[in-house]
Amino acid sequence: MGVRLVELKIHTPDTAPDGSRPILEGIKADVGLVPNFAGAVAESPVLVGAFDGIRRAVAAMDPVDREVTGIAVGVAVDNRYGVAFHSTVAANLGVGEDELALMRAGSAPTDPRLAAVYEFARDLVTNRGKAGVERLTEQGLGTAQILDIVAECVLASLVGLVDNLAGRIELDPFLEPREWV
């Protein structure tokens, strides 16, 4: 017997349930559009609210660490949407194509700091929280920065769970050039 996937409608602020509308409007105000992922989880005001709360919180962390973490988790949990999203943003932040190609293929980048972040994030989600922090501390990351990475791992894992539950959320047009298969 096959796995039954959940069908998710991609909502807009006009079609979303009442409890989700202000959240989608806030996301649109922040980023200029409602990404398909946010629209897809808007059927549940609880889930879109959780997504938005974590999304807003991780915006305060180092942006490159955030995107590297997102790629690592996306690859680890087979999250097509997340890998495309984080690869797009990482490229916009100046992460090189060679480093992106390595990460998208499941390998750590060559930059020692990025490699430490990537491997920690991957290990954290694949080993259910059992991951060493030695390489991160060797790269100068403190407890607060390590916990920031944990927060992004939570967000990226959430996106991965829903992307897989839905059998893949349709990529936004701006993500299509960095589609990950």
C-alpha atoms as a PDB file:
ATOM      1  CA  MET A   1       0.000   0.000   0.000  1.00  0.00           C
ATOM      2  CA  GLY A   2       1.433   3.383  -1.021  1.00  0.00           C
ATOM      3  CA  VAL A   3       1.792   6.401   1.192  1.00  0.00           C
ATOM      4  CA  ARG A   4      -1.049   8.873   0.867  1.00  0.00           C
ATOM      5  CA  LEU A   5       0.247  12.422   0.576  1.00  0.00           C
ATOM      6  CA  VAL A   6      -1.558  15.490   1.835  1.00  0.00           C
ATOM      7  CA  GLU A   7      -2.825  17.847  -0.846  1.00  0.00           C
ATOM      8  CA  LEU A   8      -1.897  21.427  -0.082  1.00  0.00           C
ATOM      9  CA  LYS A   9      -3.473  24.401  -1.779  1.00  0.00           C
ATOM     10  CA  ILE A  10      -1.118  27.337  -2.176  1.00  0.00           C
ATOM     11  CA  HIS A  11      -3.044  30.139  -0.509  1.00  0.00           C
ATOM     12  CA  THR A  12      -2.729  33.860  -0.983  1.00  0.00           C
ATOM     13  CA  PRO A  13      -3.732  36.415   1.640  1.00  0.00           C
ATOM     14  CA  ASP A  14      -7.123  36.558  -0.134  1.00  0.00           C
ATOM     15  CA  THR A  15      -7.807  32.795  -0.085  1.00  0.00           C
ATOM     16  CA  ALA A  16      -6.254  31.816   3.256  1.00  0.00           C
ATOM     17  CA  PRO A  17      -8.296  31.065   6.356  1.00  0.00           C
ATOM     18  CA  ASP A  18      -8.956  34.123   8.505  1.00  0.00           C
ATOM     19  CA  GLY A  19      -6.279  33.223  11.075  1.00  0.00           C
ATOM     20  CA  SER A  20      -3.603  32.914   8.396  1.00  0.00           C
ATOM     21  CA  ARG A  21      -4.330  36.082   6.435  1.00  0.00           C
ATOM     22  CA  PRO A  22      -2.452  38.567   8.632  1.00  0.00           C
ATOM     23  CA  ILE A  23       0.539  36.222   8.786  1.00  0.00           C
ATOM     24  CA  LEU A  24       0.703  35.922   5.002  1.00  0.00           C
ATOM     25  CA  GLU A  25       0.292  39.687   4.675  1.00  0.00           C
ATOM     26  CA  GLY A  26       3.227  40.145   7.086  1.00  0.00           C
ATOM     27  CA  ILE A  27       5.396  37.730   5.110  1.00  0.00           C
ATOM     28  CA  LYS A  28       4.473  39.543   1.891  1.00  0.00           C
ATOM     29  CA  ALA A  29       5.372  42.881   3.478  1.00  0.00           C
ATOM     30  CA  ASP A  30       8.734  41.470   4.606  1.00  0.00           C
ATOM     31  CA  VAL A  31       9.843  39.709   1.416  1.00  0.00           C
ATOM     32  CA  GLY A  32       7.717  41.240  -1.322  1.00  0.00           C
ATOM     33  CA  LEU A  33       5.708  38.100  -2.040  1.00  0.00           C
ATOM     34  CA  VAL A  34       4.154  35.101  -0.359  1.00  0.00           C
ATOM     35  CA  PRO A  35       6.477  32.185  -1.105  1.00  0.00           C
ATOM     36  CA  ASN A  36       4.679  29.024  -2.139  1.00  0.00           C
ATOM     37  CA  PHE A  37       5.771  27.247   1.034  1.00  0.00           C
ATOM     38  CA  ALA A  38       4.085  29.844   3.262  1.00  0.00           C
ATOM     39  CA  GLY A  39       0.973  29.729   1.096  1.00  0.00           C
ATOM     40  CA  ALA A  40       0.943  25.937   1.233  1.00  0.00           C
ATOM     41  CA  VAL A  41       0.955  25.777   5.042  1.00  0.00           C
ATOM     42  CA  ALA A  42      -1.518  28.648   5.442  1.00  0.00           C
ATOM     43  CA  GLU A  43      -4.402  26.176   5.600  1.00  0.00           C
ATOM     44  CA  SER A  44      -3.290  25.839   9.232  1.00  0.00           C
ATOM     45  CA  PRO A  45      -2.970  29.156  11.080  1.00  0.00           C
ATOM     46  CA  VAL A  46      -0.997  27.258  13.726  1.00  0.00           C
ATOM     47  CA  LEU A  47       1.597  25.936  11.280  1.00  0.00           C
ATOM     48  CA  VAL A  48       1.977  29.124   9.243  1.00  0.00           C
ATOM     49  CA  GLY A  49       2.302  31.042  12.528  1.00  0.00           C
ATOM     50  CA  ALA A  50       5.005  28.667  13.768  1.00  0.00           C
ATOM     51  CA  PHE A  51       6.828  28.926  10.439  1.00  0.00           C
ATOM     52  CA  ASP A  52       6.648  32.719  10.488  1.00  0.00           C
ATOM     53  CA  GLY A  53       7.788  32.978  14.090  1.00  0.00           C
ATOM     54  CA  ILE A  54      10.882  30.852  13.526  1.00  0.00           C
ATOM     55  CA  ARG A  55      11.526  32.566  10.167  1.00  0.00           C
ATOM     56  CA  ARG A  56      11.530  35.953  11.854  1.00  0.00           C
ATOM     57  CA  ALA A  57      13.731  34.722  14.708  1.00  0.00           C
ATOM     58  CA  VAL A  58      16.459  33.225  12.492  1.00  0.00           C
ATOM     59  CA  ALA A  59      16.604  36.422  10.451  1.00  0.00           C
ATOM     60  CA  ALA A  60      18.801  37.790  13.261  1.00  0.00           C
ATOM     61  CA  MET A  61      21.524  35.139  12.830  1.00  0.00           C
ATOM     62  CA  ASP A  62      24.556  35.303  10.558  1.00  0.00           C
ATOM     63  CA  PRO A  63      22.971  35.159   7.087  1.00  0.00           C
ATOM     64  CA  VAL A  64      25.569  32.910   5.468  1.00  0.00           C
ATOM     65  CA  ASP A  65      25.468  30.469   8.401  1.00  0.00           C
ATOM     66  CA  ARG A  66      21.679  30.442   8.074  1.00  0.00           C
ATOM     67  CA  GLU A  67      21.732  29.584   4.377  1.00  0.00           C
ATOM     68  CA  VAL A  68      24.501  26.979   4.695  1.00  0.00           C
ATOM     69  CA  THR A  69      22.526  25.376   7.502  1.00  0.00           C
ATOM     70  CA  GLY A  70      19.396  25.390   5.358  1.00  0.00           C
ATOM     71  CA  ILE A  71      21.190  23.681   2.486  1.00  0.00           C
ATOM     72  CA  ALA A  72      22.725  21.059   4.786  1.00  0.00           C
ATOM     73  CA  VAL A  73      19.390  20.212   6.387  1.00  0.00           C
ATOM     74  CA  GLY A  74      17.572  20.299   3.065  1.00  0.00           C
ATOM     75  CA  VAL A  75      19.952  17.794   1.528  1.00  0.00           C
ATOM     76  CA  ALA A  76      19.868  15.613   4.661  1.00  0.00           C
ATOM     77  CA  VAL A  77      16.061  15.413   4.783  1.00  0.00           C
ATOM     78  CA  ASP A  78      15.464  15.420   1.002  1.00  0.00           C
ATOM     79  CA  ASN A  79      13.841  18.857   0.962  1.00  0.00           C
ATOM     80  CA  ARG A  80      13.711  20.055  -2.633  1.00  0.00           C
ATOM     81  CA  TYR A  81      12.022  23.359  -1.784  1.00  0.00           C
ATOM     82  CA  GLY A  82      14.466  24.223   1.001  1.00  0.00           C
ATOM     83  CA  VAL A  83      17.588  23.405  -1.001  1.00  0.00           C
ATOM     84  CA  ALA A  84      16.387  25.581  -3.882  1.00  0.00           C
ATOM     85  CA  PHE A  85      15.477  28.422  -1.516  1.00  0.00           C
ATOM     86  CA  HIS A  86      18.665  28.390   0.549  1.00  0.00           C
ATOM     87  CA  SER A  87      20.879  27.925  -2.521  1.00  0.00           C
ATOM     88  CA  THR A  88      19.257  30.957  -4.139  1.00  0.00           C
ATOM     89  CA  VAL A  89      19.731  33.160  -1.085  1.00  0.00           C
ATOM     90  CA  ALA A  90      23.277  31.864  -0.428  1.00  0.00           C
ATOM     91  CA  ALA A  91      24.284  32.709  -3.993  1.00  0.00           C
ATOM     92  CA  ASN A  92      22.817  36.190  -3.540  1.00  0.00           C
ATOM     93  CA  LEU A  93      24.962  36.544  -0.400  1.00  0.00           C
ATOM     94  CA  GLY A  94      28.110  35.724  -2.377  1.00  0.00           C
ATOM     95  CA  VAL A  95      28.602  32.025  -1.622  1.00  0.00           C
ATOM     96  CA  GLY A  96      30.509  30.695  -4.636  1.00  0.00           C
ATOM     97  CA  GLU A  97      29.124  28.270  -7.188  1.00  0.00           C
ATOM     98  CA  ASP A  98      31.766  25.649  -6.372  1.00  0.00           C
ATOM     99  CA  GLU A  99      30.821  25.734  -2.686  1.00  0.00           C
ATOM    100  CA  LEU A 100      27.125  25.565  -3.545  1.00  0.00           C
ATOM    101  CA  ALA A 101      27.691  22.598  -5.850  1.00  0.00           C
ATOM    102  CA  LEU A 102      29.527  20.711  -3.108  1.00  0.00           C
ATOM    103  CA  MET A 103      26.811  21.358  -0.546  1.00  0.00           C
ATOM    104  CA  ARG A 104      23.986  20.488  -2.923  1.00  0.00           C
ATOM    105  CA  ALA A 105      25.785  17.200  -3.683  1.00  0.00           C
ATOM    106  CA  GLY A 106      25.896  16.363   0.036  1.00  0.00           C
ATOM    107  CA  SER A 107      29.519  17.321   0.685  1.00  0.00           C
ATOM    108  CA  ALA A 108      30.908  19.964   2.971  1.00  0.00           C
ATOM    109  CA  PRO A 109      32.202  23.133   1.339  1.00  0.00           C
ATOM    110  CA  THR A 110      35.955  23.811   1.296  1.00  0.00           C
ATOM    111  CA  ASP A 111      35.779  26.920   3.480  1.00  0.00           C
ATOM    112  CA  PRO A 112      36.566  25.665   7.025  1.00  0.00           C
ATOM    113  CA  ARG A 113      33.904  27.747   8.787  1.00  0.00           C
ATOM    114  CA  LEU A 114      31.202  26.894   6.270  1.00  0.00           C
ATOM    115  CA  ALA A 115      32.234  23.238   6.428  1.00  0.00           C
ATOM    116  CA  ALA A 116      31.907  23.229  10.216  1.00  0.00           C
ATOM    117  CA  VAL A 117      28.429  24.782  10.013  1.00  0.00           C
ATOM    118  CA  TYR A 118      27.337  22.436   7.203  1.00  0.00           C
ATOM    119  CA  GLU A 119      28.540  19.266   8.901  1.00  0.00           C
ATOM    120  CA  PHE A 120      27.118  20.242  12.290  1.00  0.00           C
ATOM    121  CA  ALA A 121      23.692  20.988  10.812  1.00  0.00           C
ATOM    122  CA  ARG A 122      23.668  17.770   8.794  1.00  0.00           C
ATOM    123  CA  ASP A 123      24.773  15.695  11.776  1.00  0.00           C
ATOM    124  CA  LEU A 124      22.282  17.397  14.100  1.00  0.00           C
ATOM    125  CA  VAL A 125      19.281  16.403  11.985  1.00  0.00           C
ATOM    126  CA  THR A 126      20.491  12.997  10.838  1.00  0.00           C
ATOM    127  CA  ASN A 127      21.637  11.950  14.325  1.00  0.00           C
ATOM    128  CA  ARG A 128      18.569  13.371  16.106  1.00  0.00           C
ATOM    129  CA  GLY A 129      20.420  16.055  18.026  1.00  0.00           C
ATOM    130  CA  LYS A 130      23.597  14.119  18.708  1.00  0.00           C
ATOM    131  CA  ALA A 131      26.247  16.276  17.079  1.00  0.00           C
ATOM    132  CA  GLY A 132      29.610  17.472  18.294  1.00  0.00           C
ATOM    133  CA  VAL A 133      30.405  21.172  18.408  1.00  0.00           C
ATOM    134  CA  GLU A 134      34.213  20.952  18.395  1.00  0.00           C
ATOM    135  CA  ARG A 135      34.673  22.104  14.795  1.00  0.00           C
ATOM    136  CA  LEU A 136      32.304  25.012  15.368  1.00  0.00           C
ATOM    137  CA  THR A 137      34.160  26.188  18.456  1.00  0.00           C
ATOM    138  CA  GLU A 138      37.488  25.814  16.610  1.00  0.00           C
ATOM    139  CA  GLN A 139      36.054  28.235  14.039  1.00  0.00           C
ATOM    140  CA  GLY A 140      35.206  30.738  16.773  1.00  0.00           C
ATOM    141  CA  LEU A 141      31.483  30.084  17.114  1.00  0.00           C
ATOM    142  CA  GLY A 142      30.108  30.433  20.626  1.00  0.00           C
ATOM    143  CA  THR A 143      27.121  28.886  22.301  1.00  0.00           C
ATOM    144  CA  ALA A 144      24.696  31.552  21.068  1.00  0.00           C
ATOM    145  CA  GLN A 145      25.780  31.034  17.435  1.00  0.00           C
ATOM    146  CA  ILE A 146      25.538  27.257  17.804  1.00  0.00           C
ATOM    147  CA  LEU A 147      22.010  27.601  19.166  1.00  0.00           C
ATOM    148  CA  ASP A 148      21.163  29.925  16.265  1.00  0.00           C
ATOM    149  CA  ILE A 149      22.157  27.096  13.922  1.00  0.00           C
ATOM    150  CA  VAL A 150      19.907  24.752  15.900  1.00  0.00           C
ATOM    151  CA  ALA A 151      17.010  27.181  15.360  1.00  0.00           C
ATOM    152  CA  GLU A 152      17.610  27.190  11.594  1.00  0.00           C
ATOM    153  CA  CYS A 153      17.794  23.384  11.682  1.00  0.00           C
ATOM    154  CA  VAL A 154      14.312  23.396  13.245  1.00  0.00           C
ATOM    155  CA  LEU A 155      12.976  25.703  10.533  1.00  0.00           C
ATOM    156  CA  ALA A 156      14.626  23.793   7.683  1.00  0.00           C
ATOM    157  CA  SER A 157      13.394  20.486   9.120  1.00  0.00           C
ATOM    158  CA  LEU A 158       9.850  21.856   9.310  1.00  0.00           C
ATOM    159  CA  VAL A 159      10.004  22.899   5.669  1.00  0.00           C
ATOM    160  CA  GLY A 160      11.407  19.478   4.752  1.00  0.00           C
ATOM    161  CA  LEU A 161       8.688  17.607   6.613  1.00  0.00           C
ATOM    162  CA  VAL A 162       5.936  19.524   4.857  1.00  0.00           C
ATOM    163  CA  ASP A 163       7.647  19.391   1.445  1.00  0.00           C
ATOM    164  CA  ASN A 164       7.859  15.615   1.731  1.00  0.00           C
ATOM    165  CA  LEU A 165       4.355  15.251   3.224  1.00  0.00           C
ATOM    166  CA  ALA A 166       2.966  17.092   0.215  1.00  0.00           C
ATOM    167  CA  GLY A 167       5.030  15.154  -2.310  1.00  0.00           C
ATOM    168  CA  ARG A 168       6.902  18.377  -3.159  1.00  0.00           C
ATOM    169  CA  ILE A 169       5.631  21.930  -2.989  1.00  0.00           C
ATOM    170  CA  GLU A 170       5.675  23.757  -6.293  1.00  0.00           C
ATOM    171  CA  LEU A 171       8.760  25.928  -6.537  1.00  0.00           C
ATOM    172  CA  ASP A 172       8.295  29.658  -6.865  1.00  0.00           C
ATOM    173  CA  PRO A 173       9.556  30.971 -10.226  1.00  0.00           C
ATOM    174  CA  PHE A 174      12.505  32.726  -8.539  1.00  0.00           C
ATOM    175  CA  LEU A 175      13.655  29.344  -7.164  1.00  0.00           C
ATOM    176  CA  GLU A 176      13.402  27.355 -10.386  1.00  0.00           C
ATOM    177  CA  PRO A 177      16.946  28.172 -11.605  1.00  0.00           C
ATOM    178  CA  ARG A 178      18.300  26.475  -8.445  1.00  0.00           C
ATOM    179  CA  GLU A 179      15.941  23.498  -8.463  1.00  0.00           C
ATOM    180  CA  TRP A 180      17.456  20.535  -6.654  1.00  0.00           C
ATOM    181  CA  VAL A 181      16.677  16.997  -7.741  1.00  0.00           C
END
